[in-house]
Amino acid sequence: MARMKTETFSAFPKEGLQFLRSLKRNNNRDWFQSHKGIYEAHVKKPIEDLVAAIAVEFEQFAPEMVASPKVSVYRIYRDTRFSKDKSPYKTHAAAVFPRSGLGKHEGAAFYLHISPTELLIGGGLYMPMPEDLNAIRNHLASHPEAFLAIVKGRTFRRLFGTVSGEQLSRVPAGFRPDHPVADYLRHKQFLAGRTFPPDTATSPQFYKLIKETFRGMLPFVQFLNDPLVRARRAKERQEALLGL
């Protein structure tokens, strides 16, 4: 019987965190080019190694989630075309872990970033398309007990406290204002996360915290993705029948 491939990851290097701190003070191309070797060795490579290790973890508890350097790792270069801030580089290292079958930024996903000011580990649904948000609200309204069991459960409350994200001032049209999950139906985003001091990323507990957080968040992410996955599959079947 073949043994499952294993990947090991210990912690984000201190040199990588120091690079991000220095980049925040020197966010220009000349400085970055002269220190690019440090970035490649102590920021980019460790994040790619972390993603590879998480991919192995997902095989055990979340095989539907994607962890690959090509998909998960964010580029450090900022898109400044529509921003008043023309700083060329991001001053954090980040990775996202989306649901297979959904676009990178379509469904609910796991997310983490390391910055000079914090370590954030969390996820959820950040910028849903209107039709996806409506599908999730309908799913939520139809299955309030299942959702409340997740977000009011001991594990979710211990790790994340509550659901965060932008909200409407009132329950959207088409839903009862006195619905059991009325407060959640107002959400335009469904987010949850944990923040730690940045040096936590360089400590031995870093990888353990990631695994604990993602495992604890999985039911929340799965609930949000369920109606989106079903909608995508229904659309694919319809297109197949029409020969598109």
C-alpha atoms as a PDB file:
ATOM      1  CA  MET A   1       0.000   0.000   0.000  1.00  0.00           C
ATOM      2  CA  ALA A   2       1.460   3.348  -1.064  1.00  0.00           C
ATOM      3  CA  ARG A   3       2.236   5.770   1.725  1.00  0.00           C
ATOM      4  CA  MET A   4       0.708   9.227   1.524  1.00  0.00           C
ATOM      5  CA  LYS A   5       3.182  11.904   0.585  1.00  0.00           C
ATOM      6  CA  THR A   6       4.091  14.150   3.496  1.00  0.00           C
ATOM      7  CA  GLU A   7       5.282  17.733   3.563  1.00  0.00           C
ATOM      8  CA  THR A   8       6.751  19.436   6.561  1.00  0.00           C
ATOM      9  CA  PHE A   9       6.641  23.086   7.508  1.00  0.00           C
ATOM     10  CA  SER A  10       7.937  24.622  10.689  1.00  0.00           C
ATOM     11  CA  ALA A  11       7.546  28.400  10.704  1.00  0.00           C
ATOM     12  CA  PHE A  12       7.848  31.524   8.589  1.00  0.00           C
ATOM     13  CA  PRO A  13      11.473  32.704   8.763  1.00  0.00           C
ATOM     14  CA  LYS A  14      12.364  35.699  10.883  1.00  0.00           C
ATOM     15  CA  GLU A  15      14.307  37.060   7.908  1.00  0.00           C
ATOM     16  CA  GLY A  16      11.057  37.069   5.914  1.00  0.00           C
ATOM     17  CA  LEU A  17       9.186  39.076   8.514  1.00  0.00           C
ATOM     18  CA  GLN A  18      12.094  41.500   8.775  1.00  0.00           C
ATOM     19  CA  PHE A  19      12.034  41.888   4.984  1.00  0.00           C
ATOM     20  CA  LEU A  20       8.338  42.833   5.088  1.00  0.00           C
ATOM     21  CA  ARG A  21       9.022  45.372   7.835  1.00  0.00           C
ATOM     22  CA  SER A  22      11.857  46.897   5.844  1.00  0.00           C
ATOM     23  CA  LEU A  23       9.765  46.900   2.666  1.00  0.00           C
ATOM     24  CA  LYS A  24       7.087  48.900   4.458  1.00  0.00           C
ATOM     25  CA  ARG A  25       9.706  51.603   5.102  1.00  0.00           C
ATOM     26  CA  ASN A  26      11.280  51.328   1.641  1.00  0.00           C
ATOM     27  CA  ASN A  27       8.422  50.607  -0.749  1.00  0.00           C
ATOM     28  CA  ASN A  28      10.179  51.459  -3.998  1.00  0.00           C
ATOM     29  CA  ARG A  29      11.574  49.518  -6.932  1.00  0.00           C
ATOM     30  CA  ASP A  30      15.244  50.301  -6.353  1.00  0.00           C
ATOM     31  CA  TRP A  31      15.166  48.991  -2.793  1.00  0.00           C
ATOM     32  CA  PHE A  32      13.155  45.923  -3.745  1.00  0.00           C
ATOM     33  CA  GLN A  33      15.439  44.991  -6.633  1.00  0.00           C
ATOM     34  CA  SER A  34      18.511  45.225  -4.437  1.00  0.00           C
ATOM     35  CA  HIS A  35      16.866  42.959  -1.836  1.00  0.00           C
ATOM     36  CA  LYS A  36      14.986  40.654  -4.191  1.00  0.00           C
ATOM     37  CA  GLY A  37      17.145  37.686  -3.266  1.00  0.00           C
ATOM     38  CA  ILE A  38      15.972  37.967   0.348  1.00  0.00           C
ATOM     39  CA  TYR A  39      12.363  38.125  -0.822  1.00  0.00           C
ATOM     40  CA  GLU A  40      12.740  35.034  -3.014  1.00  0.00           C
ATOM     41  CA  ALA A  41      14.453  32.974  -0.311  1.00  0.00           C
ATOM     42  CA  HIS A  42      12.693  34.121   2.849  1.00  0.00           C
ATOM     43  CA  VAL A  43       9.204  35.205   1.766  1.00  0.00           C
ATOM     44  CA  LYS A  44       8.143  33.667  -1.546  1.00  0.00           C
ATOM     45  CA  LYS A  45       9.740  30.233  -1.067  1.00  0.00           C
ATOM     46  CA  PRO A  46       8.465  29.738   2.520  1.00  0.00           C
ATOM     47  CA  ILE A  47       4.911  30.676   1.503  1.00  0.00           C
ATOM     48  CA  GLU A  48       5.081  28.197  -1.383  1.00  0.00           C
ATOM     49  CA  ASP A  49       6.385  25.526   1.015  1.00  0.00           C
ATOM     50  CA  LEU A  50       3.553  26.331   3.425  1.00  0.00           C
ATOM     51  CA  VAL A  51       0.973  25.931   0.663  1.00  0.00           C
ATOM     52  CA  ALA A  52       2.484  22.562  -0.322  1.00  0.00           C
ATOM     53  CA  ALA A  53       2.261  21.379   3.284  1.00  0.00           C
ATOM     54  CA  ILE A  54      -1.349  22.529   3.579  1.00  0.00           C
ATOM     55  CA  ALA A  55      -2.191  20.637   0.372  1.00  0.00           C
ATOM     56  CA  VAL A  56      -1.240  17.432   2.174  1.00  0.00           C
ATOM     57  CA  GLU A  57      -3.363  18.401   5.163  1.00  0.00           C
ATOM     58  CA  PHE A  58      -6.346  19.013   2.883  1.00  0.00           C
ATOM     59  CA  GLU A  59      -6.092  15.450   1.585  1.00  0.00           C
ATOM     60  CA  GLN A  60      -7.011  14.319   5.084  1.00  0.00           C
ATOM     61  CA  PHE A  61      -9.874  16.665   6.042  1.00  0.00           C
ATOM     62  CA  ALA A  62     -10.851  18.966   3.129  1.00  0.00           C
ATOM     63  CA  PRO A  63     -10.082  17.328  -0.230  1.00  0.00           C
ATOM     64  CA  GLU A  64     -12.374  19.762  -2.039  1.00  0.00           C
ATOM     65  CA  MET A  65     -10.196  22.739  -1.102  1.00  0.00           C
ATOM     66  CA  VAL A  66      -7.352  23.830  -3.373  1.00  0.00           C
ATOM     67  CA  ALA A  67      -3.803  24.482  -2.162  1.00  0.00           C
ATOM     68  CA  SER A  68      -1.241  25.026  -4.901  1.00  0.00           C
ATOM     69  CA  PRO A  69       1.463  27.669  -5.283  1.00  0.00           C
ATOM     70  CA  LYS A  70       0.076  28.712  -8.683  1.00  0.00           C
ATOM     71  CA  VAL A  71      -3.457  29.296  -7.396  1.00  0.00           C
ATOM     72  CA  SER A  72      -2.967  30.113  -3.730  1.00  0.00           C
ATOM     73  CA  VAL A  73       0.025  32.443  -3.460  1.00  0.00           C
ATOM     74  CA  TYR A  74      -0.622  36.115  -4.102  1.00  0.00           C
ATOM     75  CA  ARG A  75       1.898  38.129  -6.050  1.00  0.00           C
ATOM     76  CA  ILE A  76       3.717  40.825  -4.104  1.00  0.00           C
ATOM     77  CA  TYR A  77       3.233  43.358  -6.905  1.00  0.00           C
ATOM     78  CA  ARG A  78       0.341  45.761  -6.382  1.00  0.00           C
ATOM     79  CA  ASP A  79      -2.088  46.755  -9.132  1.00  0.00           C
ATOM     80  CA  THR A  80      -1.852  50.533  -8.901  1.00  0.00           C
ATOM     81  CA  ARG A  81      -3.886  51.392 -12.015  1.00  0.00           C
ATOM     82  CA  PHE A  82      -6.982  52.510 -10.100  1.00  0.00           C
ATOM     83  CA  SER A  83      -5.410  53.403  -6.768  1.00  0.00           C
ATOM     84  CA  LYS A  84      -4.221  56.720  -5.402  1.00  0.00           C
ATOM     85  CA  ASP A  85      -1.552  54.770  -3.528  1.00  0.00           C
ATOM     86  CA  LYS A  86       1.149  54.095  -6.122  1.00  0.00           C
ATOM     87  CA  SER A  87       3.371  52.035  -3.833  1.00  0.00           C
ATOM     88  CA  PRO A  88       4.521  49.199  -6.101  1.00  0.00           C
ATOM     89  CA  TYR A  89       4.578  46.365  -3.567  1.00  0.00           C
ATOM     90  CA  LYS A  90       2.323  44.751  -1.006  1.00  0.00           C
ATOM     91  CA  THR A  91       3.883  44.698   2.435  1.00  0.00           C
ATOM     92  CA  HIS A  92       2.332  41.374   3.414  1.00  0.00           C
ATOM     93  CA  ALA A  93       2.651  37.788   2.233  1.00  0.00           C
ATOM     94  CA  ALA A  94      -0.701  36.133   1.599  1.00  0.00           C
ATOM     95  CA  ALA A  95      -2.308  32.928   0.367  1.00  0.00           C
ATOM     96  CA  VAL A  96      -5.877  31.880  -0.403  1.00  0.00           C
ATOM     97  CA  PHE A  97      -7.326  28.374  -0.549  1.00  0.00           C
ATOM     98  CA  PRO A  98     -10.500  28.259  -2.671  1.00  0.00           C
ATOM     99  CA  ARG A  99     -13.042  25.525  -3.265  1.00  0.00           C
ATOM    100  CA  SER A 100     -12.402  23.394  -6.366  1.00  0.00           C
ATOM    101  CA  GLY A 101     -15.018  24.024  -9.023  1.00  0.00           C
ATOM    102  CA  LEU A 102     -15.353  27.669  -8.030  1.00  0.00           C
ATOM    103  CA  GLY A 103     -13.238  30.588  -9.144  1.00  0.00           C
ATOM    104  CA  LYS A 104     -10.387  31.767  -6.976  1.00  0.00           C
ATOM    105  CA  HIS A 105     -12.451  34.651  -5.625  1.00  0.00           C
ATOM    106  CA  GLU A 106     -15.967  33.313  -6.150  1.00  0.00           C
ATOM    107  CA  GLY A 107     -16.769  30.970  -3.282  1.00  0.00           C
ATOM    108  CA  ALA A 108     -15.883  30.815   0.376  1.00  0.00           C
ATOM    109  CA  ALA A 109     -12.201  30.124   0.961  1.00  0.00           C
ATOM    110  CA  PHE A 110      -9.521  29.885   3.607  1.00  0.00           C
ATOM    111  CA  TYR A 111      -7.075  32.779   3.794  1.00  0.00           C
ATOM    112  CA  LEU A 112      -3.986  33.873   5.681  1.00  0.00           C
ATOM    113  CA  HIS A 113      -1.547  36.726   5.582  1.00  0.00           C
ATOM    114  CA  ILE A 114       1.595  37.769   7.385  1.00  0.00           C
ATOM    115  CA  SER A 115       2.263  41.481   7.685  1.00  0.00           C
ATOM    116  CA  PRO A 116       4.502  43.735   9.777  1.00  0.00           C
ATOM    117  CA  THR A 117       1.536  44.410  12.082  1.00  0.00           C
ATOM    118  CA  GLU A 118      -0.362  41.107  12.317  1.00  0.00           C
ATOM    119  CA  LEU A 119      -0.817  37.479  11.431  1.00  0.00           C
ATOM    120  CA  LEU A 120      -4.341  36.831  10.147  1.00  0.00           C
ATOM    121  CA  ILE A 121      -5.727  33.320   9.684  1.00  0.00           C
ATOM    122  CA  GLY A 122      -9.324  32.947   8.606  1.00  0.00           C
ATOM    123  CA  GLY A 123     -11.524  33.058   5.575  1.00  0.00           C
ATOM    124  CA  GLY A 124     -15.085  33.055   4.361  1.00  0.00           C
ATOM    125  CA  LEU A 125     -16.866  34.806   1.508  1.00  0.00           C
ATOM    126  CA  TYR A 126     -15.327  38.166   0.646  1.00  0.00           C
ATOM    127  CA  MET A 127     -16.772  39.609  -2.601  1.00  0.00           C
ATOM    128  CA  PRO A 128     -19.601  37.399  -3.860  1.00  0.00           C
ATOM    129  CA  MET A 129     -21.324  38.083  -7.148  1.00  0.00           C
ATOM    130  CA  PRO A 130     -24.937  39.254  -6.678  1.00  0.00           C
ATOM    131  CA  GLU A 131     -26.406  35.964  -7.891  1.00  0.00           C
ATOM    132  CA  ASP A 132     -24.127  34.003  -5.563  1.00  0.00           C
ATOM    133  CA  LEU A 133     -25.002  36.187  -2.592  1.00  0.00           C
ATOM    134  CA  ASN A 134     -28.693  35.666  -3.326  1.00  0.00           C
ATOM    135  CA  ALA A 135     -28.179  31.895  -3.569  1.00  0.00           C
ATOM    136  CA  ILE A 136     -26.431  31.879  -0.205  1.00  0.00           C
ATOM    137  CA  ARG A 137     -29.152  33.957   1.420  1.00  0.00           C
ATOM    138  CA  ASN A 138     -31.809  31.573   0.115  1.00  0.00           C
ATOM    139  CA  HIS A 139     -29.787  28.604   1.363  1.00  0.00           C
ATOM    140  CA  LEU A 140     -29.376  30.286   4.729  1.00  0.00           C
ATOM    141  CA  ALA A 141     -33.077  31.107   4.985  1.00  0.00           C
ATOM    142  CA  SER A 142     -33.977  27.506   4.119  1.00  0.00           C
ATOM    143  CA  HIS A 143     -31.514  25.924   6.548  1.00  0.00           C
ATOM    144  CA  PRO A 144     -31.329  28.259   9.561  1.00  0.00           C
ATOM    145  CA  GLU A 145     -30.849  25.489  12.125  1.00  0.00           C
ATOM    146  CA  ALA A 146     -27.845  24.043  10.287  1.00  0.00           C
ATOM    147  CA  PHE A 147     -26.167  27.452   9.999  1.00  0.00           C
ATOM    148  CA  LEU A 148     -26.836  28.405  13.604  1.00  0.00           C
ATOM    149  CA  ALA A 149     -25.449  25.069  14.762  1.00  0.00           C
ATOM    150  CA  ILE A 150     -22.180  26.030  13.057  1.00  0.00           C
ATOM    151  CA  VAL A 151     -21.793  29.671  14.076  1.00  0.00           C
ATOM    152  CA  LYS A 152     -23.200  29.210  17.563  1.00  0.00           C
ATOM    153  CA  GLY A 153     -21.237  26.015  18.127  1.00  0.00           C
ATOM    154  CA  ARG A 154     -18.531  25.851  20.770  1.00  0.00           C
ATOM    155  CA  THR A 155     -15.631  25.491  18.317  1.00  0.00           C
ATOM    156  CA  PHE A 156     -16.637  28.408  16.084  1.00  0.00           C
ATOM    157  CA  ARG A 157     -17.300  30.722  19.034  1.00  0.00           C
ATOM    158  CA  ARG A 158     -14.020  29.763  20.715  1.00  0.00           C
ATOM    159  CA  LEU A 159     -11.939  30.333  17.600  1.00  0.00           C
ATOM    160  CA  PHE A 160     -13.723  33.200  15.859  1.00  0.00           C
ATOM    161  CA  GLY A 161     -16.316  34.713  18.161  1.00  0.00           C
ATOM    162  CA  THR A 162     -18.854  35.632  15.509  1.00  0.00           C
ATOM    163  CA  VAL A 163     -19.368  36.179  11.788  1.00  0.00           C
ATOM    164  CA  SER A 164     -18.019  39.514  10.521  1.00  0.00           C
ATOM    165  CA  GLY A 165     -18.147  41.419   7.236  1.00  0.00           C
ATOM    166  CA  GLU A 166     -20.116  44.227   5.598  1.00  0.00           C
ATOM    167  CA  GLN A 167     -23.871  44.235   6.242  1.00  0.00           C
ATOM    168  CA  LEU A 168     -27.013  45.926   5.032  1.00  0.00           C
ATOM    169  CA  SER A 169     -28.857  48.145   7.496  1.00  0.00           C
ATOM    170  CA  ARG A 170     -31.978  45.982   7.168  1.00  0.00           C
ATOM    171  CA  VAL A 171     -33.015  42.526   6.016  1.00  0.00           C
ATOM    172  CA  PRO A 172     -33.078  42.442   2.180  1.00  0.00           C
ATOM    173  CA  ALA A 173     -36.358  42.334   0.298  1.00  0.00           C
ATOM    174  CA  GLY A 174     -37.869  38.886  -0.020  1.00  0.00           C
ATOM    175  CA  PHE A 175     -36.938  37.763   3.495  1.00  0.00           C
ATOM    176  CA  ARG A 176     -38.911  38.150   6.703  1.00  0.00           C
ATOM    177  CA  PRO A 177     -37.502  40.754   9.104  1.00  0.00           C
ATOM    178  CA  ASP A 178     -38.257  38.356  11.964  1.00  0.00           C
ATOM    179  CA  HIS A 179     -36.567  35.368  10.324  1.00  0.00           C
ATOM    180  CA  PRO A 180     -34.508  33.262  12.812  1.00  0.00           C
ATOM    181  CA  VAL A 181     -31.329  34.214  10.922  1.00  0.00           C
ATOM    182  CA  ALA A 182     -32.366  37.759   9.988  1.00  0.00           C
ATOM    183  CA  ASP A 183     -29.104  39.225  11.285  1.00  0.00           C
ATOM    184  CA  TYR A 184     -27.092  36.955   9.001  1.00  0.00           C
ATOM    185  CA  LEU A 185     -29.324  37.577   5.969  1.00  0.00           C
ATOM    186  CA  ARG A 186     -28.197  41.212   6.135  1.00  0.00           C
ATOM    187  CA  HIS A 187     -24.601  40.193   5.475  1.00  0.00           C
ATOM    188  CA  LYS A 188     -22.948  41.085   2.175  1.00  0.00           C
ATOM    189  CA  GLN A 189     -19.803  39.301   3.346  1.00  0.00           C
ATOM    190  CA  PHE A 190     -19.452  36.248   5.556  1.00  0.00           C
ATOM    191  CA  LEU A 191     -16.047  36.380   7.220  1.00  0.00           C
ATOM    192  CA  ALA A 192     -14.358  34.938  10.273  1.00  0.00           C
ATOM    193  CA  GLY A 193     -10.773  35.027  11.424  1.00  0.00           C
ATOM    194  CA  ARG A 194      -8.162  35.123  14.123  1.00  0.00           C
ATOM    195  CA  THR A 195      -5.417  37.712  14.477  1.00  0.00           C
ATOM    196  CA  PHE A 196      -2.116  37.306  16.289  1.00  0.00           C
ATOM    197  CA  PRO A 197       1.044  39.370  16.743  1.00  0.00           C
ATOM    198  CA  PRO A 198       3.197  39.114  13.593  1.00  0.00           C
ATOM    199  CA  ASP A 199       6.008  37.287  15.412  1.00  0.00           C
ATOM    200  CA  THR A 200       3.607  34.370  15.937  1.00  0.00           C
ATOM    201  CA  ALA A 201       4.285  33.455  12.307  1.00  0.00           C
ATOM    202  CA  THR A 202       7.949  32.810  13.141  1.00  0.00           C
ATOM    203  CA  SER A 203       7.134  30.646  16.164  1.00  0.00           C
ATOM    204  CA  PRO A 204       6.742  26.841  16.342  1.00  0.00           C
ATOM    205  CA  GLN A 205       2.985  27.215  16.944  1.00  0.00           C
ATOM    206  CA  PHE A 206       2.362  28.916  13.563  1.00  0.00           C
ATOM    207  CA  TYR A 207       1.576  25.817  11.513  1.00  0.00           C
ATOM    208  CA  LYS A 208      -0.485  24.298  14.307  1.00  0.00           C
ATOM    209  CA  LEU A 209      -2.619  27.451  14.451  1.00  0.00           C
ATOM    210  CA  ILE A 210      -3.260  27.274  10.704  1.00  0.00           C
ATOM    211  CA  LYS A 211      -4.425  23.659  10.887  1.00  0.00           C
ATOM    212  CA  GLU A 212      -6.591  24.339  13.929  1.00  0.00           C
ATOM    213  CA  THR A 213      -8.167  27.402  12.311  1.00  0.00           C
ATOM    214  CA  PHE A 214      -8.915  25.812   8.948  1.00  0.00           C
ATOM    215  CA  ARG A 215     -10.347  22.664  10.527  1.00  0.00           C
ATOM    216  CA  GLY A 216     -12.558  24.770  12.789  1.00  0.00           C
ATOM    217  CA  MET A 217     -13.724  26.916   9.879  1.00  0.00           C
ATOM    218  CA  LEU A 218     -14.450  24.067   7.462  1.00  0.00           C
ATOM    219  CA  PRO A 219     -18.177  23.594   8.276  1.00  0.00           C
ATOM    220  CA  PHE A 220     -18.732  27.345   7.819  1.00  0.00           C
ATOM    221  CA  VAL A 221     -16.956  27.360   4.454  1.00  0.00           C
ATOM    222  CA  GLN A 222     -18.752  24.219   3.303  1.00  0.00           C
ATOM    223  CA  PHE A 223     -22.162  25.651   4.201  1.00  0.00           C
ATOM    224  CA  LEU A 224     -21.501  28.826   2.191  1.00  0.00           C
ATOM    225  CA  ASN A 225     -20.136  26.920  -0.806  1.00  0.00           C
ATOM    226  CA  ASP A 226     -22.859  24.280  -0.988  1.00  0.00           C
ATOM    227  CA  PRO A 227     -25.453  26.332  -2.929  1.00  0.00           C
ATOM    228  CA  LEU A 228     -22.763  27.756  -5.218  1.00  0.00           C
ATOM    229  CA  VAL A 229     -21.389  24.337  -6.144  1.00  0.00           C
ATOM    230  CA  ARG A 230     -24.905  23.024  -6.804  1.00  0.00           C
ATOM    231  CA  ALA A 231     -25.683  26.057  -8.981  1.00  0.00           C
ATOM    232  CA  ARG A 232     -22.486  25.579 -11.019  1.00  0.00           C
ATOM    233  CA  ARG A 233     -23.250  21.888 -11.558  1.00  0.00           C
ATOM    234  CA  ALA A 234     -26.821  22.623 -12.611  1.00  0.00           C
ATOM    235  CA  LYS A 235     -25.546  25.193 -15.109  1.00  0.00           C
ATOM    236  CA  GLU A 236     -23.013  22.707 -16.500  1.00  0.00           C
ATOM    237  CA  ARG A 237     -25.726  20.067 -16.945  1.00  0.00           C
ATOM    238  CA  GLN A 238     -27.974  22.572 -18.688  1.00  0.00           C
ATOM    239  CA  GLU A 239     -25.176  23.645 -21.027  1.00  0.00           C
ATOM    240  CA  ALA A 240     -24.373  20.002 -21.790  1.00  0.00           C
ATOM    241  CA  LEU A 241     -28.011  19.337 -22.708  1.00  0.00           C
ATOM    242  CA  LEU A 242     -28.022  22.371 -24.988  1.00  0.00           C
ATOM    243  CA  GLY A 243     -24.703  21.362 -26.524  1.00  0.00           C
ATOM    244  CA  LEU A 244     -22.954  24.574 -25.509  1.00  0.00           C
END
